[in-house]
Amino acid sequence: MSITGLLFTVRDSLLANQLAIDITGANVANVNTPGYTRQRTNMESLGTVDVKNVSAQIGVSVNRIERIYDRYVDSQIFEQRQKSGYSDTMTQGLQNISLILDDTQGGGINDQLNKFWSAWENLSGNPTGKVEKSALLTIAEDLTAMLDSYMRDLDTINTDMNRNIADVVSQINDKADEISDLNEKITGTGGGDIGNKNDLLDKRSEALRELATLVDINQLENTDGTINVYLSNGVSLVQGQNSRHLSVQVDANDRSFVYSADTPDEPINSALTKGKLGAYIELQTVVVPEYVDSMNRFTIDFSERVNALHSSGFDAYKNTGVDFFTITDEINPDETISRSITVNSAIASDIGRIACSLTVSGDGDNASRISAAQYELLMDGNTSTLNGFLASMVGQIGLQVATAQTDNDRQSVLMNHLSNQREAASGVSIDEEMILLIKYQMGYTTAGKLCTTVDEMLDTLMGLAK
C-alpha cells in the first residue's frame, strides 16, 4: 500500500468518525424532542490491498444513517392513539353533560320538583291563602325556568359539537396536506441527504400519530417510500403526494354530517367511530339526543298530568281550572329539538286562577291530588315516578361518566406503556450517546495520529532523496 493510499485511508477515517460524532450530537440535542427517533451511523470497510494473495481491507465509509425504531411498537401506538383520542374526548363530553344534570350537591331539578309538590301540599291545607298561592307560583316559575335552562344547556352542547366537528375536520385536512407534502419531500430527497430524509420520516410519523388521534385511519406504505392514508371505510385521505379533503355540512336539525371528496353526496358519519371525530359524532347523534329526549318526555308527562288534574278543579272564582303549564315547540317526536315549558300566563297574572278545589266550595282537595301525583307511576311505561325518572337520568349520566373515566384511565395506561416501549427502542439515552461519543472521538484522534505518522514518513522519504 502506498503512502498516498494511507492518506486516503486517513481521510476516510476522519470523515466517517466526524459524521458519527455529528449524528451523536444530533441525538443528544434532540433528547427532549417529541417524536424524534435516534439515529446510528453504520460503517463499512472500503478498499482492499493484496499481500501475498491475502486481501486486507484498509478503509472505511459510512454506509447509511439508520433510524432505530420498532415498526411493531409504532403500529401499536398508531392504533392506540385512535382509541385514546376517542376515550378522552368522550369522557370530556359526558362530564360536560353531567355538570348540567348533576343533582348530587342539592339545589338541582329534583329538589325544585320536591318544592313544587310541597307547595301544593301546603296550599291544600289553606286553599284560600294568598301567601301559599304566591309561593306556589314562584316555585313553579323557578321549576320551569330550570327545566328550560337544562334544555338550553343541552342545546348548547349540541352547538359546541358542530363547532368541534368542524374544527377536527379542518385539522384532519391540514394533517393530510402535511403528510402528502412530506411524501413529496421524502421522494425528492436522494440518498445523498440521508440525515434529512430521516428527519422527514420522523415528522411524517409524528403527523400520522396526530392524525390517528383525530380519526380512525389505516396506512399503506408504497415502494417509493411514500404512504397512503385511508379512513376505516376505504375513503382516501392521502394518495402519495396528493391529499383529499373532508367537508362538513350542518342540516336543518342542527346536526353535522361529514362528507369526503370521494362521496360528496353521501355522509360518512357511520364510518367515523374512533378518534376525537368519532367521539364528537357519537356525542351529537346518540348521547346528547338521548338526554334531550329524556328531558322532553319528562316535561311532557309532567305537564300533562298536572294540567289534567288542575283542569278538573275549580279556582277562587268558582271557574273550572285552566292548564297550569303551557308547552311550546311541539314538534315531531323523532326530532331532538327541546320543548319549552312555562306557567300559564293566565295564572301568572292572577293567582286566583289556581284551581286548588275539587268543588266550588273552596276545599283544598285538588291541590292535595296534584301533590300526590309525585307518587304516581307515570314514566317508563308506568314503572317509575316523575322524581324517580329524574333520579334515574342523573344516575345514568353519573354511571356513564364513571365508565368512560375508567376506560380513559385504562387507555392512558396502555398509551404510556407503548410510549415507554417506543422510548426504550427509539429514544435517546444520554449515557449511551456519551459512550459512543468517546468511541468516535478516539477514532477521530487516532486517525489524526495516523496522519501525523504518514507526514513523518513523507519527511523521511524526502530526506533520503536529498
Protein backbone atom coordinates (compact mmCIF):
# COMPACT_ATOMS: atom_id res chain seq x y z
CA MET A 1 0.00 0.00 0.00
CA SER A 2 1.40 3.38 -0.95
CA ILE A 3 1.83 6.35 1.33
CA THR A 4 -0.73 8.16 -0.81
CA GLY A 5 -3.15 5.30 -0.13
CA LEU A 6 -2.56 5.77 3.58
CA LEU A 7 -3.54 9.42 3.25
CA PHE A 8 -6.81 8.38 1.59
CA THR A 9 -7.42 5.95 4.46
CA VAL A 10 -6.80 8.76 6.95
CA ARG A 11 -9.21 10.98 5.06
CA ASP A 12 -11.95 8.35 5.02
CA SER A 13 -11.48 7.61 8.71
CA LEU A 14 -11.62 11.28 9.67
CA LEU A 15 -14.75 11.89 7.62
CA ALA A 16 -16.52 8.76 8.89
CA ASN A 17 -15.81 9.47 12.56
CA GLN A 18 -16.67 13.14 12.16
CA LEU A 19 -20.05 12.21 10.67
CA ALA A 20 -20.61 9.72 13.50
CA ILE A 21 -19.85 12.47 16.02
CA ASP A 22 -22.31 14.77 14.19
CA ILE A 23 -25.07 12.15 14.38
CA THR A 24 -24.35 11.51 18.06
CA GLY A 25 -24.55 15.25 18.67
CA ALA A 26 -27.90 15.38 16.86
CA ASN A 27 -29.21 12.61 19.14
CA VAL A 28 -28.08 14.47 22.25
CA ALA A 29 -29.56 17.76 21.00
CA ASN A 30 -32.96 16.09 20.37
CA VAL A 31 -33.16 14.13 23.61
CA ASN A 32 -36.35 16.05 24.51
CA THR A 33 -37.79 16.45 21.01
CA PRO A 34 -41.24 14.77 20.72
CA GLY A 35 -41.34 12.06 18.07
CA TYR A 36 -37.58 12.09 17.49
CA THR A 37 -36.09 8.72 16.54
CA ARG A 38 -32.44 8.22 17.46
CA GLN A 39 -30.02 7.53 14.63
CA ARG A 40 -26.96 5.37 14.25
CA THR A 41 -24.06 5.63 11.83
CA ASN A 42 -23.49 2.31 10.08
CA MET A 43 -19.94 1.99 8.76
CA GLU A 44 -18.44 -0.46 6.28
CA SER A 45 -14.91 -1.26 5.19
CA LEU A 46 -13.70 0.32 1.97
CA GLY A 47 -10.93 -0.76 -0.43
CA THR A 48 -8.55 -3.69 -0.25
CA VAL A 49 -4.86 -4.37 -0.59
CA ASP A 50 -3.38 -7.73 -1.59
CA VAL A 51 -0.47 -9.06 0.42
CA LYS A 52 0.85 -12.47 -0.66
CA ASN A 53 -2.52 -13.48 -2.10
CA VAL A 54 -4.39 -12.28 1.01
CA SER A 55 -6.78 -9.34 0.75
CA ALA A 56 -6.78 -6.82 3.59
CA GLN A 57 -9.42 -4.10 3.94
CA ILE A 58 -7.86 -0.73 4.51
CA GLY A 59 -10.53 1.99 4.51
CA VAL A 60 -13.92 2.92 5.92
CA SER A 61 -17.03 4.72 4.78
CA VAL A 62 -20.48 5.48 6.15
CA ASN A 63 -22.91 3.05 4.58
CA ARG A 64 -26.10 4.66 5.92
CA ILE A 65 -27.60 6.52 8.82
CA GLU A 66 -30.20 4.25 10.39
CA ARG A 67 -33.36 5.24 12.25
CA ILE A 68 -33.61 2.96 15.29
CA TYR A 69 -37.28 2.14 15.68
CA ASP A 70 -39.57 -0.83 16.25
CA ARG A 71 -42.15 -0.98 13.46
CA TYR A 72 -44.44 -3.24 15.52
CA VAL A 73 -44.49 -0.86 18.50
CA ASP A 74 -45.08 2.08 16.19
CA SER A 75 -48.11 0.35 14.66
CA GLN A 76 -49.49 -0.38 18.14
CA ILE A 77 -49.04 3.27 19.13
CA PHE A 78 -50.81 4.25 15.94
CA GLU A 79 -53.83 2.09 16.86
CA GLN A 80 -53.80 3.16 20.49
CA ARG A 81 -53.82 6.84 19.54
CA GLN A 82 -57.20 6.34 17.85
CA LYS A 83 -58.67 4.69 20.96
CA SER A 84 -57.16 7.24 23.36
CA GLY A 85 -58.40 10.18 21.27
CA TYR A 86 -61.93 8.76 21.33
CA SER A 87 -61.88 7.85 25.02
CA ASP A 88 -60.52 11.19 26.21
CA THR A 89 -62.96 13.21 24.11
CA MET A 90 -65.95 11.06 25.10
CA THR A 91 -65.06 11.42 28.78
CA GLN A 92 -64.89 15.20 28.50
CA GLY A 93 -68.20 15.32 26.63
CA LEU A 94 -70.00 13.17 29.21
CA GLN A 95 -68.54 15.25 32.03
CA ASN A 96 -69.98 18.40 30.41
CA ILE A 97 -73.43 16.77 30.31
CA SER A 98 -73.00 15.61 33.90
CA LEU A 99 -72.28 19.17 35.04
CA ILE A 100 -75.65 20.21 33.60
CA LEU A 101 -77.68 17.37 35.12
CA ASP A 102 -75.76 16.88 38.36
CA ASP A 103 -78.15 16.85 41.31
CA THR A 104 -75.86 15.34 43.92
CA GLN A 105 -74.98 18.64 45.62
CA GLY A 106 -78.60 19.72 46.06
CA GLY A 107 -80.39 22.66 44.50
CA GLY A 108 -80.99 20.74 41.30
CA ILE A 109 -84.12 19.88 39.42
CA ASN A 110 -85.13 17.09 41.80
CA ASP A 111 -85.01 19.46 44.76
CA GLN A 112 -87.02 22.03 42.83
CA LEU A 113 -89.58 19.39 41.88
CA ASN A 114 -89.94 18.37 45.55
CA LYS A 115 -90.55 22.02 46.46
CA PHE A 116 -93.27 22.11 43.81
CA TRP A 117 -95.06 19.12 45.33
CA SER A 118 -94.66 20.55 48.84
CA ALA A 119 -96.12 23.89 47.72
CA TRP A 120 -99.26 22.12 46.53
CA GLU A 121 -99.45 20.21 49.82
CA ASN A 122 -99.16 23.48 51.77
CA LEU A 123 -101.86 25.01 49.60
CA SER A 124 -104.20 22.08 50.27
CA GLY A 125 -104.11 22.98 53.98
CA ASN A 126 -105.04 26.61 53.28
CA PRO A 127 -106.73 26.78 49.85
CA THR A 128 -107.58 30.46 50.17
CA GLY A 129 -104.14 31.54 51.34
CA LYS A 130 -102.57 34.16 49.10
CA VAL A 131 -99.14 33.52 50.63
CA GLU A 132 -99.35 29.83 49.77
CA LYS A 133 -100.55 30.57 46.24
CA SER A 134 -97.82 33.15 45.65
CA ALA A 135 -95.22 30.69 46.94
CA LEU A 136 -96.57 28.01 44.61
CA LEU A 137 -96.40 30.38 41.62
CA THR A 138 -92.82 31.39 42.43
CA ILE A 139 -91.70 27.77 42.85
CA ALA A 140 -93.49 26.71 39.64
CA GLU A 141 -91.81 29.52 37.70
CA ASP A 142 -88.42 28.57 39.16
CA LEU A 143 -89.05 24.94 38.17
CA THR A 144 -89.99 25.79 34.59
CA ALA A 145 -87.03 28.16 34.32
CA MET A 146 -84.72 25.38 35.50
CA LEU A 147 -86.20 22.91 33.01
CA ASP A 148 -85.72 25.41 30.19
CA SER A 149 -82.19 26.11 31.39
CA TYR A 150 -81.35 22.41 31.26
CA MET A 151 -82.68 22.17 27.71
CA ARG A 152 -80.81 25.28 26.58
CA ASP A 153 -77.60 23.91 28.06
CA LEU A 154 -78.08 20.61 26.22
CA ASP A 155 -78.75 22.53 23.01
CA THR A 156 -75.55 24.49 23.65
CA ILE A 157 -73.61 21.23 23.88
CA ASN A 158 -75.06 20.24 20.51
CA THR A 159 -73.91 23.58 19.06
CA ASP A 160 -70.48 23.01 20.59
CA MET A 161 -70.37 19.63 18.86
CA ASN A 162 -70.96 21.33 15.50
CA ARG A 163 -68.05 23.66 16.14
CA ASN A 164 -65.82 20.86 17.44
CA ILE A 165 -66.59 18.60 14.47
CA ALA A 166 -65.77 21.42 12.04
CA ASP A 167 -62.52 22.15 13.89
CA VAL A 168 -61.44 18.50 13.89
CA VAL A 169 -62.25 18.08 10.19
CA SER A 170 -60.14 21.16 9.48
CA GLN A 171 -57.27 19.65 11.49
CA ILE A 172 -57.63 16.35 9.60
CA ASN A 173 -57.38 18.18 6.28
CA ASP A 174 -54.30 20.06 7.50
CA LYS A 175 -52.63 16.82 8.58
CA ALA A 176 -53.47 15.17 5.25
CA ASP A 177 -51.83 18.10 3.46
CA GLU A 178 -48.81 17.87 5.74
CA ILE A 179 -48.38 14.14 5.14
CA SER A 180 -48.72 14.47 1.36
CA ASP A 181 -46.17 17.31 1.41
CA LEU A 182 -43.76 15.17 3.45
CA ASN A 183 -44.31 12.30 0.99
CA GLU A 184 -43.21 14.60 -1.81
CA LYS A 185 -40.14 15.77 0.09
CA ILE A 186 -39.17 12.21 1.02
CA THR A 187 -39.29 11.02 -2.58
CA GLY A 188 -37.40 14.14 -3.65
CA THR A 189 -34.64 13.58 -1.11
CA GLY A 190 -31.95 11.44 -2.67
CA GLY A 191 -29.51 9.11 -1.00
CA GLY A 192 -27.01 11.93 -0.64
CA ASP A 193 -29.01 13.51 2.18
CA ILE A 194 -29.86 10.58 4.39
CA GLY A 195 -29.97 12.55 7.61
CA ASN A 196 -32.57 14.97 6.24
CA LYS A 197 -34.66 12.05 4.99
CA ASN A 198 -34.68 10.54 8.47
CA ASP A 199 -35.85 13.89 9.84
CA LEU A 200 -38.68 13.93 7.28
CA LEU A 201 -39.64 10.37 8.22
CA ASP A 202 -39.80 11.41 11.88
CA LYS A 203 -42.03 14.36 11.03
CA ARG A 204 -44.30 12.16 8.94
CA SER A 205 -44.59 9.57 11.70
CA GLU A 206 -45.50 12.29 14.20
CA ALA A 207 -48.08 13.72 11.78
CA LEU A 208 -49.61 10.26 11.38
CA ARG A 209 -49.84 9.79 15.14
CA GLU A 210 -51.54 13.17 15.49
CA LEU A 211 -53.93 12.30 12.67
CA ALA A 212 -54.75 8.97 14.35
CA THR A 213 -55.76 10.90 17.48
CA LEU A 214 -58.32 12.76 15.37
CA VAL A 215 -59.92 9.96 13.31
CA ASP A 216 -59.73 6.20 12.68
CA ILE A 217 -57.42 5.61 9.72
CA ASN A 218 -55.27 2.96 8.07
CA GLN A 219 -51.96 3.45 6.27
CA LEU A 220 -50.16 1.65 3.47
CA GLU A 221 -46.50 2.17 2.61
CA ASN A 222 -45.58 2.32 -1.08
CA THR A 223 -42.38 1.04 -2.68
CA ASP A 224 -41.14 4.60 -3.27
CA GLY A 225 -41.23 5.38 0.47
CA THR A 226 -44.50 7.34 0.39
CA ILE A 227 -47.58 6.26 2.31
CA ASN A 228 -51.28 6.21 1.52
CA VAL A 229 -53.77 7.03 4.26
CA TYR A 230 -57.38 5.79 4.27
CA LEU A 231 -60.36 6.12 6.55
CA SER A 232 -61.74 2.90 8.01
CA ASN A 233 -64.27 2.63 5.16
CA GLY A 234 -61.54 2.89 2.50
CA VAL A 235 -62.06 6.57 1.67
CA SER A 236 -58.71 8.06 0.71
CA LEU A 237 -57.16 10.96 2.63
CA VAL A 238 -53.64 10.75 1.18
CA GLN A 239 -52.52 9.15 -2.05
CA GLY A 240 -48.77 9.52 -2.31
CA GLN A 241 -48.14 13.20 -2.94
CA ASN A 242 -51.86 14.11 -3.17
CA SER A 243 -54.32 14.76 -0.34
CA ARG A 244 -58.12 14.67 -0.41
CA HIS A 245 -60.18 16.77 1.96
CA LEU A 246 -63.23 16.12 4.10
CA SER A 247 -66.08 18.64 4.41
CA VAL A 248 -68.85 19.30 6.94
CA GLN A 249 -72.45 20.35 6.48
CA VAL A 250 -74.98 21.18 9.22
CA ASP A 251 -78.53 20.05 8.39
CA ALA A 252 -81.87 21.61 9.32
CA ASN A 253 -81.87 19.74 12.66
CA ASP A 254 -78.55 21.36 13.62
CA ARG A 255 -76.52 18.17 13.21
CA SER A 256 -73.17 17.88 11.45
CA PHE A 257 -72.56 15.46 8.60
CA VAL A 258 -69.11 14.73 7.22
CA TYR A 259 -68.52 14.17 3.52
CA SER A 260 -65.43 13.03 1.63
CA ALA A 261 -64.15 14.07 -1.78
CA ASP A 262 -64.98 10.52 -2.95
CA THR A 263 -68.57 10.65 -1.64
CA PRO A 264 -69.72 14.29 -1.90
CA ASP A 265 -73.40 13.33 -1.81
CA GLU A 266 -73.32 10.70 0.92
CA PRO A 267 -72.24 11.37 4.53
CA ILE A 268 -69.65 9.06 6.06
CA ASN A 269 -70.54 9.58 9.74
CA SER A 270 -71.21 5.87 10.27
CA ALA A 271 -67.59 5.05 9.35
CA LEU A 272 -66.14 7.55 11.84
CA THR A 273 -66.10 5.66 15.13
CA LYS A 274 -62.67 6.36 16.65
CA GLY A 275 -60.52 9.34 17.45
CA LYS A 276 -61.84 12.73 18.52
CA LEU A 277 -64.10 12.99 15.49
CA GLY A 278 -65.77 9.65 16.24
CA ALA A 279 -66.44 10.73 19.83
CA TYR A 280 -67.89 14.10 18.83
CA ILE A 281 -70.20 12.47 16.27
CA GLU A 282 -71.41 9.89 18.81
CA LEU A 283 -71.99 12.59 21.43
CA GLN A 284 -74.07 14.62 18.98
CA THR A 285 -76.04 11.82 17.35
CA VAL A 286 -76.51 9.40 20.26
CA VAL A 287 -75.63 10.71 23.72
CA VAL A 288 -76.97 14.28 23.74
CA PRO A 289 -80.24 13.37 21.89
CA GLU A 290 -80.84 10.64 24.49
CA TYR A 291 -80.84 13.19 27.32
CA VAL A 292 -82.77 15.77 25.30
CA ASP A 293 -85.39 13.09 24.65
CA SER A 294 -85.48 12.17 28.35
CA MET A 295 -86.00 15.81 29.35
CA ASN A 296 -88.69 16.19 26.69
CA ARG A 297 -90.54 13.09 27.90
CA PHE A 298 -90.36 14.29 31.49
CA THR A 299 -91.56 17.78 30.55
CA ILE A 300 -94.50 16.47 28.54
CA ASP A 301 -95.62 13.77 31.01
CA PHE A 302 -95.18 16.08 34.00
CA SER A 303 -97.06 19.00 32.45
CA GLU A 304 -99.84 16.81 31.02
CA ARG A 305 -100.52 15.17 34.39
CA VAL A 306 -100.51 18.44 36.32
CA ASN A 307 -102.64 20.11 33.63
CA ALA A 308 -105.17 17.25 33.67
CA LEU A 309 -105.53 17.42 37.45
CA HIS A 310 -105.59 21.22 37.54
CA SER A 311 -108.23 21.42 34.80
CA SER A 312 -110.51 19.11 36.79
CA GLY A 313 -110.63 21.52 39.74
CA PHE A 314 -112.08 24.94 40.47
CA ASP A 315 -110.35 28.24 41.09
CA ALA A 316 -111.14 31.05 43.53
CA TYR A 317 -113.74 32.42 41.09
CA LYS A 318 -115.52 29.04 41.04
CA ASN A 319 -114.48 28.56 37.44
CA THR A 320 -113.11 25.33 36.02
CA GLY A 321 -109.33 25.29 36.12
CA VAL A 322 -107.18 26.04 33.06
CA ASP A 323 -103.98 24.28 32.09
CA PHE A 324 -101.39 25.10 34.74
CA PHE A 325 -98.45 24.81 32.28
CA THR A 326 -98.00 25.87 28.67
CA ILE A 327 -95.78 23.85 26.33
CA THR A 328 -94.29 25.37 23.18
CA ASP A 329 -92.13 23.96 20.36
CA GLU A 330 -94.43 20.99 19.79
CA ILE A 331 -92.59 19.02 17.10
CA ASN A 332 -92.13 15.56 15.64
CA PRO A 333 -91.27 13.16 18.49
CA ASP A 334 -88.42 11.75 16.38
CA GLU A 335 -86.69 15.13 16.42
CA THR A 336 -84.49 16.23 19.30
CA ILE A 337 -85.32 19.93 19.44
CA SER A 338 -86.20 20.78 23.03
CA ARG A 339 -89.64 21.79 24.24
CA SER A 340 -90.16 24.85 26.39
CA ILE A 341 -92.43 24.92 29.45
CA THR A 342 -93.86 27.96 31.20
CA VAL A 343 -96.56 28.66 33.75
CA ASN A 344 -99.85 29.60 32.04
CA SER A 345 -99.88 33.38 31.63
CA ALA A 346 -103.44 33.49 32.99
CA ILE A 347 -102.26 32.01 36.28
CA ALA A 348 -99.02 34.01 36.33
CA SER A 349 -101.06 37.24 36.15
CA ASP A 350 -103.72 36.16 38.66
CA ILE A 351 -103.05 33.61 41.41
CA GLY A 352 -106.80 33.39 41.95
CA ARG A 353 -106.90 31.21 38.81
CA ILE A 354 -105.07 28.42 40.66
CA ALA A 355 -107.62 25.59 40.86
CA CYS A 356 -106.93 24.02 44.23
CA SER A 357 -110.51 22.89 44.92
CA LEU A 358 -112.38 19.83 43.69
CA THR A 359 -115.70 21.62 44.20
CA VAL A 360 -116.95 25.18 44.11
CA SER A 361 -116.99 25.15 47.91
CA GLY A 362 -113.31 26.15 48.04
CA ASP A 363 -111.77 22.99 49.52
CA GLY A 364 -108.12 22.07 49.01
CA ASP A 365 -108.67 18.53 47.74
CA ASN A 366 -107.48 19.23 44.19
CA ALA A 367 -104.22 20.70 45.49
CA SER A 368 -103.81 17.56 47.55
CA ARG A 369 -104.39 15.41 44.43
CA ILE A 370 -101.77 17.34 42.48
CA SER A 371 -99.28 16.96 45.32
CA ALA A 372 -99.97 13.21 45.39
CA ALA A 373 -99.08 12.97 41.69
CA GLN A 374 -95.46 12.71 42.80
CA TYR A 375 -96.19 9.11 43.85
CA GLU A 376 -97.89 8.05 40.63
CA LEU A 377 -96.08 5.72 38.23
CA LEU A 378 -96.21 7.91 35.13
CA MET A 379 -92.83 7.29 33.48
CA ASP A 380 -91.05 4.44 31.69
CA GLY A 381 -94.19 2.51 30.88
CA ASN A 382 -95.82 3.28 34.21
CA THR A 383 -92.92 1.81 36.18
CA SER A 384 -91.39 4.99 37.59
CA THR A 385 -92.45 8.20 39.30
CA LEU A 386 -91.52 11.61 37.96
CA ASN A 387 -88.91 12.07 40.68
CA GLY A 388 -87.65 8.56 40.15
CA PHE A 389 -87.26 9.20 36.43
CA LEU A 390 -85.14 12.30 37.07
CA ALA A 391 -83.04 10.46 39.64
CA SER A 392 -82.53 7.62 37.19
CA MET A 393 -81.43 10.06 34.49
CA VAL A 394 -78.91 11.72 36.81
CA GLY A 395 -77.69 8.30 37.91
CA GLN A 396 -77.32 7.21 34.30
CA ILE A 397 -75.04 10.10 33.34
CA GLY A 398 -73.04 9.53 36.51
CA LEU A 399 -72.56 5.88 35.58
CA GLN A 400 -71.63 6.78 32.03
CA VAL A 401 -69.03 9.26 33.26
CA ALA A 402 -67.56 6.72 35.68
CA THR A 403 -67.40 4.05 32.96
CA ALA A 404 -65.86 6.45 30.46
CA GLN A 405 -63.31 7.65 33.02
CA THR A 406 -62.33 4.07 33.83
CA ASP A 407 -61.87 3.32 30.15
CA ASN A 408 -59.93 6.55 29.66
CA ASP A 409 -57.61 5.67 32.54
CA ARG A 410 -57.03 2.24 31.02
CA GLN A 411 -56.31 3.71 27.61
CA SER A 412 -53.87 6.17 29.20
CA VAL A 413 -52.03 3.31 30.92
CA LEU A 414 -51.78 1.42 27.63
CA MET A 415 -50.62 4.56 25.83
CA ASN A 416 -47.94 5.23 28.45
CA HIS A 417 -46.80 1.61 28.28
CA LEU A 418 -46.44 1.76 24.49
CA SER A 419 -44.72 5.16 24.71
CA ASN A 420 -42.22 3.70 27.15
CA GLN A 421 -41.64 0.78 24.80
CA ARG A 422 -41.02 3.16 21.93
CA GLU A 423 -38.71 5.27 24.10
CA ALA A 424 -36.71 2.17 25.00
CA ALA A 425 -36.31 1.29 21.33
CA SER A 426 -36.10 4.69 19.67
CA GLY A 427 -35.47 7.22 22.42
CA VAL A 428 -32.15 8.83 23.15
CA SER A 429 -30.09 7.58 26.10
CA ILE A 430 -27.58 10.24 27.17
CA ASP A 431 -25.32 7.64 28.80
CA GLU A 432 -25.21 5.55 25.64
CA GLU A 433 -24.58 8.59 23.46
CA MET A 434 -21.70 9.71 25.68
CA ILE A 435 -20.06 6.30 25.39
CA LEU A 436 -20.41 6.39 21.61
CA LEU A 437 -19.12 9.96 21.52
CA ILE A 438 -15.95 8.87 23.34
CA LYS A 439 -15.52 5.97 20.93
CA TYR A 440 -15.91 8.14 17.83
CA GLN A 441 -13.68 10.82 19.34
CA MET A 442 -10.94 8.26 19.93
CA GLY A 443 -11.35 7.03 16.36
CA TYR A 444 -11.04 10.57 15.04
CA THR A 445 -7.99 11.27 17.26
CA THR A 446 -6.32 8.03 16.19
CA ALA A 447 -6.90 8.89 12.54
CA GLY A 448 -5.19 12.21 13.24
CA LYS A 449 -2.23 10.36 14.78
CA LEU A 450 -2.04 8.22 11.65
CA CYS A 451 -1.96 11.38 9.55
CA THR A 452 0.99 12.65 11.62
CA THR A 453 2.78 9.33 11.15
CA VAL A 454 2.24 9.46 7.39
CA ASP A 455 3.58 13.03 7.36
CA GLU A 456 6.73 11.89 9.20
CA MET A 457 7.15 9.03 6.73
CA LEU A 458 6.98 11.52 3.87
CA ASP A 459 9.59 13.71 5.54
CA THR A 460 11.88 10.68 5.87
CA LEU A 461 11.47 9.83 2.19
CA MET A 462 12.11 13.39 1.16
CA GLY A 463 15.26 13.40 3.29
CA LEU A 464 16.55 10.24 1.59
CA ALA A 465 16.03 11.88 -1.79
CA LYS A 466 18.37 14.78 -0.97
